[in-house]
Structures are given as C-alpha cells and as structure tokens.
Amino acid sequence: MRSPIKLAPAGLALALLLSPLTAHAIAGPFAALTGNWSGAGKIVFSDGHEEGLRCRATESGGQGDNLQLTLRCASASYNFELSSDVTYQGGAISGSWSEASHNVGGSLTGRASGNHIEAAARAPNFAANLSLTTTGNRQMVSIRSAGSEIAEVTLALSRR
C-alpha cells in the first residue's frame, strides 16, 4: 500500500478534491484556514438590537497543526480585534486568545474534525462558544456568548 504522501501530483490533487479528511490527515486541520479572508455578518447585542458587521482575517500556521489568527471587525457602533494562537493534537485544540480593543484574553479549548471546529473561549467574567466550518474558499463563523454585551456574532468569510 502506498503512502498518500508518495502519490503522483495529479493523484494527490484528485484525492484532496474528493476527500477533505485526506487533506487534513496530510497537512493538519488548520491547513485549509491559512490565508487572508474578508466578509460580512451581523452582531447581536444583549439588548436584542443588531448591526451589520464587516471583517478581515489573517490566518497562518505552518503545516496545519498550529493556527495564528487575527480577526478585525467593525459595525456602526462596535469594533473588535481578536487574536489567537491555537495548537491541534489528536482531535483536540487548545491555546490562548486576546481581544485588543477591550483588553481581555483567556484560554481556548475544543475539537477539530474534518472541516469543522467547535471551541470554547474562557476568561474571567467572560465565556463564548465558537463554531467554524470551512468549505473551499468560504468560512462560516458563529460566536455565541451569554451574560456579556455581545450575545452573538455570525460571519461569512471568503478567501481574498
């Protein structure tokens, strides 16, 4: 049996197109995230009002087992700059995050499988759950928080 790494370039390209799990086994679950992204979504405040949101993200991380993220978003009345440094090992992800505009940061833990990531961000007096799905050149991001000024953020990002 041949190793997937030794496949001819055309065969490797076909394997990557047909199976997202193959790509992750070769390069790690964060490999598909690497690059520059931009898009829009909405921010829902705890009082129920919503605003449109524009965002840009830069994601980098070697072979796909590490991810460094910078996400900058702005709405009519609110902006944030989120950074994170996350590592993948055996299905689990862990790392740290910080938000520069509001001077808060903490830990990030969760699971990565195929093209999907589920994570929990924690800090003193703050907790949020994150869901991220990547399909080709598109990312769908959902962040939900209870007990803070922001109840929910949803984003659709495209690779630039």
N, C-alpha and C. Protein backbone atom coordinates (compact mmCIF):
# COMPACT_ATOMS: atom_id res chain seq x y z
N MET A 1 0.85 -1.18 0.00
CA MET A 1 0.00 0.00 0.00
C MET A 1 0.89 1.24 0.00
N ARG A 2 0.58 2.16 -0.89
CA ARG A 2 1.39 3.38 -1.00
C ARG A 2 0.95 4.41 0.02
N SER A 3 1.89 5.15 0.51
CA SER A 3 1.60 6.26 1.42
C SER A 3 0.95 7.38 0.62
N PRO A 4 -0.11 8.08 1.17
CA PRO A 4 -0.73 9.19 0.46
C PRO A 4 0.27 10.28 0.09
N ILE A 5 1.34 10.40 0.85
CA ILE A 5 2.33 11.45 0.59
C ILE A 5 3.12 11.14 -0.68
N LYS A 6 3.22 9.85 -1.08
CA LYS A 6 4.00 9.47 -2.25
C LYS A 6 3.17 9.41 -3.52
N LEU A 7 1.90 9.79 -3.50
CA LEU A 7 1.07 9.79 -4.69
C LEU A 7 1.62 10.79 -5.70
N ALA A 8 1.41 10.53 -6.98
CA ALA A 8 1.80 11.48 -8.02
C ALA A 8 1.01 12.77 -7.81
N PRO A 9 1.55 13.91 -8.25
CA PRO A 9 0.87 15.19 -8.04
C PRO A 9 -0.58 15.19 -8.51
N ALA A 10 -0.88 14.62 -9.68
CA ALA A 10 -2.26 14.61 -10.17
C ALA A 10 -3.14 13.76 -9.25
N GLY A 11 -2.61 12.63 -8.82
CA GLY A 11 -3.37 11.77 -7.91
C GLY A 11 -3.61 12.44 -6.57
N LEU A 12 -2.62 13.18 -6.07
CA LEU A 12 -2.77 13.89 -4.81
C LEU A 12 -3.83 14.98 -4.94
N ALA A 13 -3.80 15.71 -6.06
CA ALA A 13 -4.80 16.76 -6.28
C ALA A 13 -6.21 16.16 -6.30
N LEU A 14 -6.38 15.04 -6.98
CA LEU A 14 -7.67 14.39 -7.03
C LEU A 14 -8.11 13.92 -5.65
N ALA A 15 -7.18 13.33 -4.89
CA ALA A 15 -7.51 12.88 -3.54
C ALA A 15 -7.94 14.03 -2.65
N LEU A 16 -7.27 15.18 -2.77
CA LEU A 16 -7.62 16.34 -1.96
C LEU A 16 -8.99 16.88 -2.33
N LEU A 17 -9.32 16.86 -3.62
CA LEU A 17 -10.63 17.34 -4.06
C LEU A 17 -11.75 16.42 -3.60
N LEU A 18 -11.49 15.12 -3.59
CA LEU A 18 -12.54 14.16 -3.26
C LEU A 18 -12.73 13.94 -1.77
N SER A 19 -11.74 14.25 -0.95
CA SER A 19 -11.86 13.95 0.46
C SER A 19 -11.21 15.01 1.34
N PRO A 20 -12.02 15.90 1.95
CA PRO A 20 -11.44 16.87 2.87
C PRO A 20 -10.69 16.20 4.02
N LEU A 21 -11.10 15.02 4.43
CA LEU A 21 -10.42 14.35 5.53
C LEU A 21 -9.01 13.94 5.14
N THR A 22 -8.80 13.57 3.88
CA THR A 22 -7.46 13.23 3.41
C THR A 22 -6.55 14.43 3.53
N ALA A 23 -7.04 15.60 3.14
CA ALA A 23 -6.22 16.81 3.23
C ALA A 23 -5.82 17.09 4.66
N HIS A 24 -6.75 16.88 5.59
CA HIS A 24 -6.44 17.15 6.99
C HIS A 24 -5.45 16.14 7.55
N ALA A 25 -5.54 14.87 7.11
CA ALA A 25 -4.61 13.86 7.59
C ALA A 25 -3.19 14.17 7.13
N ILE A 26 -3.05 14.73 5.94
CA ILE A 26 -1.73 15.04 5.42
C ILE A 26 -1.19 16.31 6.04
N ALA A 27 -2.01 17.35 6.13
CA ALA A 27 -1.49 18.66 6.49
C ALA A 27 -1.98 19.20 7.82
N GLY A 28 -2.90 18.56 8.48
CA GLY A 28 -3.42 19.08 9.74
C GLY A 28 -4.72 19.84 9.52
N PRO A 29 -5.55 19.96 10.54
CA PRO A 29 -6.89 20.52 10.37
C PRO A 29 -6.94 22.01 10.10
N PHE A 30 -5.86 22.74 10.37
CA PHE A 30 -5.89 24.18 10.15
C PHE A 30 -5.35 24.59 8.77
N ALA A 31 -4.85 23.63 7.99
CA ALA A 31 -4.24 23.95 6.70
C ALA A 31 -5.20 24.70 5.78
N ALA A 32 -6.46 24.31 5.76
CA ALA A 32 -7.45 24.96 4.88
C ALA A 32 -7.77 26.39 5.31
N LEU A 33 -7.40 26.77 6.51
CA LEU A 33 -7.72 28.10 7.02
C LEU A 33 -6.67 29.15 6.66
N THR A 34 -5.47 28.69 6.31
CA THR A 34 -4.37 29.61 6.07
C THR A 34 -4.70 30.58 4.94
N GLY A 35 -4.46 31.86 5.19
CA GLY A 35 -4.67 32.87 4.16
C GLY A 35 -5.33 34.12 4.71
N ASN A 36 -5.73 34.96 3.78
CA ASN A 36 -6.43 36.21 4.11
C ASN A 36 -7.89 36.08 3.73
N TRP A 37 -8.75 36.50 4.63
CA TRP A 37 -10.19 36.34 4.47
C TRP A 37 -10.88 37.68 4.71
N SER A 38 -12.03 37.88 4.10
CA SER A 38 -12.85 39.06 4.40
C SER A 38 -14.31 38.69 4.19
N GLY A 39 -15.18 39.47 4.81
CA GLY A 39 -16.60 39.19 4.65
C GLY A 39 -17.46 40.03 5.56
N ALA A 40 -18.69 39.59 5.69
CA ALA A 40 -19.67 40.35 6.44
C ALA A 40 -20.53 39.40 7.27
N GLY A 41 -21.27 40.00 8.16
CA GLY A 41 -22.17 39.24 9.02
C GLY A 41 -22.98 40.19 9.86
N LYS A 42 -23.32 39.72 11.05
CA LYS A 42 -24.07 40.59 11.95
C LYS A 42 -23.61 40.36 13.38
N ILE A 43 -23.81 41.39 14.16
CA ILE A 43 -23.54 41.33 15.59
C ILE A 43 -24.87 41.58 16.29
N VAL A 44 -25.20 40.73 17.25
CA VAL A 44 -26.43 40.86 18.03
C VAL A 44 -26.03 41.21 19.46
N PHE A 45 -26.53 42.33 19.93
CA PHE A 45 -26.21 42.78 21.29
C PHE A 45 -27.17 42.15 22.29
N SER A 46 -26.78 42.15 23.54
CA SER A 46 -27.59 41.50 24.58
C SER A 46 -28.97 42.15 24.74
N ASP A 47 -29.11 43.43 24.33
CA ASP A 47 -30.43 44.07 24.41
C ASP A 47 -31.31 43.74 23.20
N GLY A 48 -30.78 42.93 22.26
CA GLY A 48 -31.56 42.47 21.13
C GLY A 48 -31.33 43.22 19.82
N HIS A 49 -30.72 44.40 19.86
CA HIS A 49 -30.53 45.10 18.58
C HIS A 49 -29.36 44.49 17.81
N GLU A 50 -29.45 44.60 16.48
CA GLU A 50 -28.46 44.01 15.59
C GLU A 50 -27.82 45.08 14.72
N GLU A 51 -26.59 44.82 14.31
CA GLU A 51 -25.90 45.70 13.37
C GLU A 51 -25.14 44.83 12.38
N GLY A 52 -25.01 45.35 11.17
CA GLY A 52 -24.17 44.69 10.17
C GLY A 52 -22.71 44.78 10.60
N LEU A 53 -21.92 43.83 10.18
CA LEU A 53 -20.53 43.73 10.61
C LEU A 53 -19.66 43.41 9.40
N ARG A 54 -18.55 44.11 9.25
CA ARG A 54 -17.55 43.84 8.20
C ARG A 54 -16.28 43.37 8.88
N CYS A 55 -15.64 42.34 8.29
CA CYS A 55 -14.46 41.75 8.94
C CYS A 55 -13.38 41.40 7.94
N ARG A 56 -12.14 41.37 8.48
CA ARG A 56 -10.96 40.87 7.77
C ARG A 56 -10.21 39.96 8.71
N ALA A 57 -9.72 38.86 8.17
CA ALA A 57 -8.97 37.91 8.99
C ALA A 57 -7.69 37.50 8.27
N THR A 58 -6.66 37.27 9.05
CA THR A 58 -5.42 36.69 8.55
C THR A 58 -5.14 35.46 9.40
N GLU A 59 -4.95 34.33 8.72
CA GLU A 59 -4.72 33.09 9.43
C GLU A 59 -3.45 32.44 8.87
N SER A 60 -2.56 32.02 9.76
CA SER A 60 -1.32 31.37 9.34
C SER A 60 -1.04 30.21 10.28
N GLY A 61 -0.19 29.27 9.81
CA GLY A 61 0.10 28.17 10.71
C GLY A 61 0.83 26.99 10.16
N GLY A 62 1.91 27.17 9.48
CA GLY A 62 2.78 26.05 9.12
C GLY A 62 2.08 24.92 8.42
N GLN A 63 2.20 23.70 8.95
CA GLN A 63 1.63 22.50 8.32
C GLN A 63 0.18 22.24 8.71
N GLY A 64 -0.44 23.11 9.45
CA GLY A 64 -1.84 22.93 9.77
C GLY A 64 -2.13 22.43 11.16
N ASP A 65 -1.11 22.21 11.99
CA ASP A 65 -1.33 21.80 13.37
C ASP A 65 -1.29 22.98 14.34
N ASN A 66 -0.90 24.14 13.83
CA ASN A 66 -0.88 25.38 14.61
C ASN A 66 -1.63 26.44 13.82
N LEU A 67 -2.27 27.34 14.53
CA LEU A 67 -3.02 28.41 13.87
C LEU A 67 -2.84 29.70 14.64
N GLN A 68 -2.42 30.73 13.93
CA GLN A 68 -2.39 32.07 14.48
C GLN A 68 -3.42 32.87 13.70
N LEU A 69 -4.34 33.49 14.42
CA LEU A 69 -5.45 34.21 13.80
C LEU A 69 -5.46 35.65 14.28
N THR A 70 -5.73 36.55 13.35
CA THR A 70 -6.05 37.93 13.68
C THR A 70 -7.34 38.26 12.96
N LEU A 71 -8.37 38.66 13.69
CA LEU A 71 -9.68 38.98 13.14
C LEU A 71 -10.06 40.38 13.58
N ARG A 72 -10.29 41.26 12.60
CA ARG A 72 -10.70 42.64 12.88
C ARG A 72 -12.09 42.84 12.30
N CYS A 73 -13.02 43.31 13.15
CA CYS A 73 -14.39 43.51 12.72
C CYS A 73 -14.89 44.87 13.19
N ALA A 74 -15.82 45.45 12.40
CA ALA A 74 -16.40 46.74 12.77
C ALA A 74 -17.86 46.78 12.34
N SER A 75 -18.68 47.35 13.21
CA SER A 75 -20.08 47.63 12.90
C SER A 75 -20.26 49.14 13.07
N ALA A 76 -21.49 49.60 13.01
CA ALA A 76 -21.75 51.04 13.15
C ALA A 76 -21.31 51.57 14.53
N SER A 77 -21.44 50.75 15.58
CA SER A 77 -21.15 51.26 16.92
C SER A 77 -20.13 50.43 17.70
N TYR A 78 -19.60 49.38 17.10
CA TYR A 78 -18.76 48.46 17.87
C TYR A 78 -17.66 47.92 16.97
N ASN A 79 -16.46 47.77 17.51
CA ASN A 79 -15.41 47.08 16.77
C ASN A 79 -14.61 46.21 17.73
N PHE A 80 -13.95 45.20 17.16
CA PHE A 80 -13.10 44.35 17.97
C PHE A 80 -11.96 43.81 17.13
N GLU A 81 -10.86 43.48 17.82
CA GLU A 81 -9.67 42.91 17.20
C GLU A 81 -9.27 41.69 18.02
N LEU A 82 -9.56 40.54 17.47
CA LEU A 82 -9.35 39.27 18.14
C LEU A 82 -8.10 38.58 17.61
N SER A 83 -7.25 38.10 18.49
CA SER A 83 -6.07 37.32 18.10
C SER A 83 -6.09 36.00 18.86
N SER A 84 -5.60 34.96 18.21
CA SER A 84 -5.50 33.68 18.91
C SER A 84 -4.30 32.90 18.40
N ASP A 85 -3.84 32.00 19.24
CA ASP A 85 -2.74 31.09 18.91
C ASP A 85 -3.18 29.72 19.41
N VAL A 86 -3.45 28.79 18.48
CA VAL A 86 -4.07 27.52 18.82
C VAL A 86 -3.25 26.37 18.25
N THR A 87 -3.21 25.25 18.99
CA THR A 87 -2.50 24.05 18.58
C THR A 87 -3.48 22.88 18.52
N TYR A 88 -3.27 22.01 17.54
CA TYR A 88 -4.08 20.81 17.37
C TYR A 88 -3.26 19.58 17.73
N GLN A 89 -3.87 18.66 18.48
CA GLN A 89 -3.21 17.39 18.78
C GLN A 89 -4.27 16.34 19.04
N GLY A 90 -4.32 15.31 18.21
CA GLY A 90 -5.21 14.18 18.40
C GLY A 90 -6.68 14.53 18.46
N GLY A 91 -7.13 15.48 17.66
CA GLY A 91 -8.53 15.88 17.64
C GLY A 91 -8.86 17.05 18.54
N ALA A 92 -8.01 17.31 19.53
CA ALA A 92 -8.26 18.41 20.47
C ALA A 92 -7.49 19.67 20.05
N ILE A 93 -8.09 20.81 20.29
CA ILE A 93 -7.39 22.08 20.08
C ILE A 93 -7.30 22.80 21.43
N SER A 94 -6.22 23.55 21.59
CA SER A 94 -6.05 24.34 22.81
C SER A 94 -5.15 25.51 22.49
N GLY A 95 -5.31 26.57 23.25
CA GLY A 95 -4.47 27.74 23.05
C GLY A 95 -4.97 28.93 23.83
N SER A 96 -4.61 30.10 23.33
CA SER A 96 -4.98 31.34 24.01
C SER A 96 -5.58 32.32 23.00
N TRP A 97 -6.30 33.30 23.51
CA TRP A 97 -6.88 34.35 22.69
C TRP A 97 -6.82 35.66 23.45
N SER A 98 -6.88 36.75 22.69
CA SER A 98 -6.95 38.07 23.31
C SER A 98 -7.76 38.99 22.41
N GLU A 99 -8.36 39.98 23.01
CA GLU A 99 -9.13 40.98 22.28
C GLU A 99 -8.56 42.34 22.67
N ALA A 100 -7.92 43.01 21.71
CA ALA A 100 -7.15 44.23 21.99
C ALA A 100 -8.02 45.44 22.34
N SER A 101 -9.14 45.63 21.67
CA SER A 101 -9.98 46.82 21.89
C SER A 101 -10.54 46.90 23.30
N HIS A 102 -10.80 45.74 23.90
CA HIS A 102 -11.41 45.70 25.23
C HIS A 102 -10.49 45.10 26.29
N ASN A 103 -9.24 44.83 25.90
CA ASN A 103 -8.20 44.37 26.82
C ASN A 103 -8.63 43.16 27.64
N VAL A 104 -9.03 42.11 26.95
CA VAL A 104 -9.44 40.88 27.61
C VAL A 104 -8.80 39.71 26.87
N GLY A 105 -8.57 38.62 27.56
CA GLY A 105 -8.00 37.43 26.95
C GLY A 105 -8.16 36.23 27.85
N GLY A 106 -7.89 35.07 27.29
CA GLY A 106 -8.03 33.86 28.09
C GLY A 106 -7.65 32.62 27.32
N SER A 107 -8.28 31.51 27.66
CA SER A 107 -7.95 30.22 27.07
C SER A 107 -8.98 29.83 26.01
N LEU A 108 -8.55 28.94 25.12
CA LEU A 108 -9.41 28.43 24.06
C LEU A 108 -9.21 26.92 24.01
N THR A 109 -10.29 26.14 24.10
CA THR A 109 -10.22 24.69 24.02
C THR A 109 -11.36 24.19 23.14
N GLY A 110 -11.18 23.02 22.54
CA GLY A 110 -12.25 22.47 21.72
C GLY A 110 -11.80 21.28 20.92
N ARG A 111 -12.52 21.04 19.81
CA ARG A 111 -12.27 19.89 18.95
C ARG A 111 -12.25 20.36 17.50
N ALA A 112 -11.41 19.71 16.69
CA ALA A 112 -11.36 19.93 15.25
C ALA A 112 -11.54 18.59 14.57
N SER A 113 -12.43 18.55 13.59
CA SER A 113 -12.67 17.32 12.85
C SER A 113 -13.07 17.68 11.43
N GLY A 114 -12.32 17.18 10.47
CA GLY A 114 -12.62 17.49 9.08
C GLY A 114 -12.54 18.99 8.85
N ASN A 115 -13.61 19.55 8.33
CA ASN A 115 -13.64 20.99 8.03
C ASN A 115 -14.35 21.80 9.11
N HIS A 116 -14.52 21.23 10.29
CA HIS A 116 -15.32 21.87 11.33
C HIS A 116 -14.54 21.99 12.64
N ILE A 117 -14.69 23.14 13.29
CA ILE A 117 -14.07 23.40 14.59
C ILE A 117 -15.15 23.86 15.56
N GLU A 118 -15.16 23.29 16.74
CA GLU A 118 -16.03 23.73 17.85
C GLU A 118 -15.10 24.07 19.00
N ALA A 119 -15.24 25.27 19.55
CA ALA A 119 -14.34 25.68 20.63
C ALA A 119 -15.07 26.52 21.66
N ALA A 120 -14.46 26.59 22.84
CA ALA A 120 -14.96 27.42 23.93
C ALA A 120 -13.85 28.39 24.33
N ALA A 121 -14.19 29.67 24.37
CA ALA A 121 -13.26 30.71 24.81
C ALA A 121 -13.66 31.10 26.23
N ARG A 122 -12.68 31.14 27.12
CA ARG A 122 -12.94 31.46 28.53
C ARG A 122 -11.98 32.53 29.00
N ALA A 123 -12.48 33.38 29.89
CA ALA A 123 -11.69 34.42 30.56
C ALA A 123 -12.45 34.76 31.84
N PRO A 124 -11.80 35.44 32.77
CA PRO A 124 -12.54 35.88 33.95
C PRO A 124 -13.73 36.74 33.50
N ASN A 125 -14.91 36.42 33.95
CA ASN A 125 -16.14 37.16 33.65
C ASN A 125 -16.55 37.11 32.18
N PHE A 126 -16.10 36.12 31.42
CA PHE A 126 -16.49 36.01 30.02
C PHE A 126 -16.39 34.55 29.57
N ALA A 127 -17.38 34.12 28.77
CA ALA A 127 -17.36 32.80 28.15
C ALA A 127 -18.11 32.88 26.83
N ALA A 128 -17.57 32.22 25.81
CA ALA A 128 -18.22 32.20 24.50
C ALA A 128 -17.94 30.85 23.84
N ASN A 129 -18.87 30.44 22.98
CA ASN A 129 -18.70 29.23 22.19
C ASN A 129 -18.55 29.64 20.73
N LEU A 130 -17.63 28.98 20.04
CA LEU A 130 -17.30 29.29 18.66
C LEU A 130 -17.51 28.05 17.80
N SER A 131 -18.11 28.26 16.64
CA SER A 131 -18.26 27.21 15.64
C SER A 131 -17.75 27.75 14.32
N LEU A 132 -16.88 27.00 13.64
CA LEU A 132 -16.30 27.43 12.38
C LEU A 132 -16.32 26.27 11.41
N THR A 133 -16.87 26.50 10.22
CA THR A 133 -16.87 25.49 9.16
C THR A 133 -16.25 26.11 7.92
N THR A 134 -15.28 25.41 7.34
CA THR A 134 -14.60 25.87 6.13
C THR A 134 -14.94 24.92 4.99
N THR A 135 -15.40 25.51 3.88
CA THR A 135 -15.69 24.75 2.67
C THR A 135 -15.05 25.48 1.51
N GLY A 136 -13.97 24.93 0.99
CA GLY A 136 -13.26 25.59 -0.11
C GLY A 136 -12.76 26.96 0.32
N ASN A 137 -13.19 27.99 -0.38
CA ASN A 137 -12.77 29.36 -0.09
C ASN A 137 -13.78 30.13 0.74
N ARG A 138 -14.62 29.42 1.50
CA ARG A 138 -15.62 30.06 2.35
C ARG A 138 -15.53 29.55 3.77
N GLN A 139 -15.74 30.46 4.72
CA GLN A 139 -15.81 30.10 6.14
C GLN A 139 -17.12 30.64 6.71
N MET A 140 -17.78 29.84 7.50
CA MET A 140 -18.95 30.28 8.26
C MET A 140 -18.54 30.24 9.73
N VAL A 141 -18.71 31.38 10.40
CA VAL A 141 -18.28 31.51 11.79
C VAL A 141 -19.48 31.94 12.63
N SER A 142 -19.64 31.30 13.77
CA SER A 142 -20.67 31.67 14.73
C SER A 142 -20.04 31.74 16.12
N ILE A 143 -20.24 32.86 16.81
CA ILE A 143 -19.74 33.04 18.17
C ILE A 143 -20.94 33.42 19.03
N ARG A 144 -21.16 32.68 20.10
CA ARG A 144 -22.29 32.94 21.00
C ARG A 144 -21.76 33.13 22.41
N SER A 145 -22.30 34.16 23.08
CA SER A 145 -21.88 34.46 24.43
C SER A 145 -23.10 34.81 25.27
N ALA A 146 -23.11 34.35 26.49
CA ALA A 146 -24.20 34.69 27.41
C ALA A 146 -23.64 35.58 28.51
N GLY A 147 -24.40 36.56 28.92
CA GLY A 147 -24.01 37.39 30.05
C GLY A 147 -23.00 38.48 29.73
N SER A 148 -22.81 38.81 28.44
CA SER A 148 -21.92 39.91 28.09
C SER A 148 -22.66 40.87 27.16
N GLU A 149 -22.03 41.94 26.80
CA GLU A 149 -22.63 42.96 25.94
C GLU A 149 -23.02 42.39 24.57
N ILE A 150 -22.24 41.43 24.08
CA ILE A 150 -22.48 40.80 22.79
C ILE A 150 -23.08 39.42 22.99
N ALA A 151 -24.24 39.18 22.39
CA ALA A 151 -24.88 37.87 22.51
C ALA A 151 -24.43 36.92 21.40
N GLU A 152 -24.25 37.46 20.18
CA GLU A 152 -23.92 36.59 19.05
C GLU A 152 -23.24 37.37 17.93
N VAL A 153 -22.31 36.70 17.27
CA VAL A 153 -21.69 37.21 16.05
C VAL A 153 -21.76 36.09 15.02
N THR A 154 -22.24 36.39 13.82
CA THR A 154 -22.22 35.42 12.72
C THR A 154 -21.53 36.07 11.53
N LEU A 155 -20.66 35.30 10.88
CA LEU A 155 -19.86 35.81 9.77
C LEU A 155 -19.83 34.81 8.63
N ALA A 156 -19.80 35.35 7.41
CA ALA A 156 -19.50 34.57 6.22
C ALA A 156 -18.26 35.21 5.61
N LEU A 157 -17.15 34.47 5.61
CA LEU A 157 -15.88 35.00 5.10
C LEU A 157 -15.48 34.27 3.82
N SER A 158 -14.82 35.00 2.92
CA SER A 158 -14.29 34.43 1.70
C SER A 158 -12.80 34.70 1.63
N ARG A 159 -12.07 33.74 1.05
CA ARG A 159 -10.63 33.92 0.90
C ARG A 159 -10.38 35.04 -0.10
N ARG A 160 -9.44 35.96 0.26
CA ARG A 160 -9.11 37.07 -0.64
C ARG A 160 -7.98 36.68 -1.55
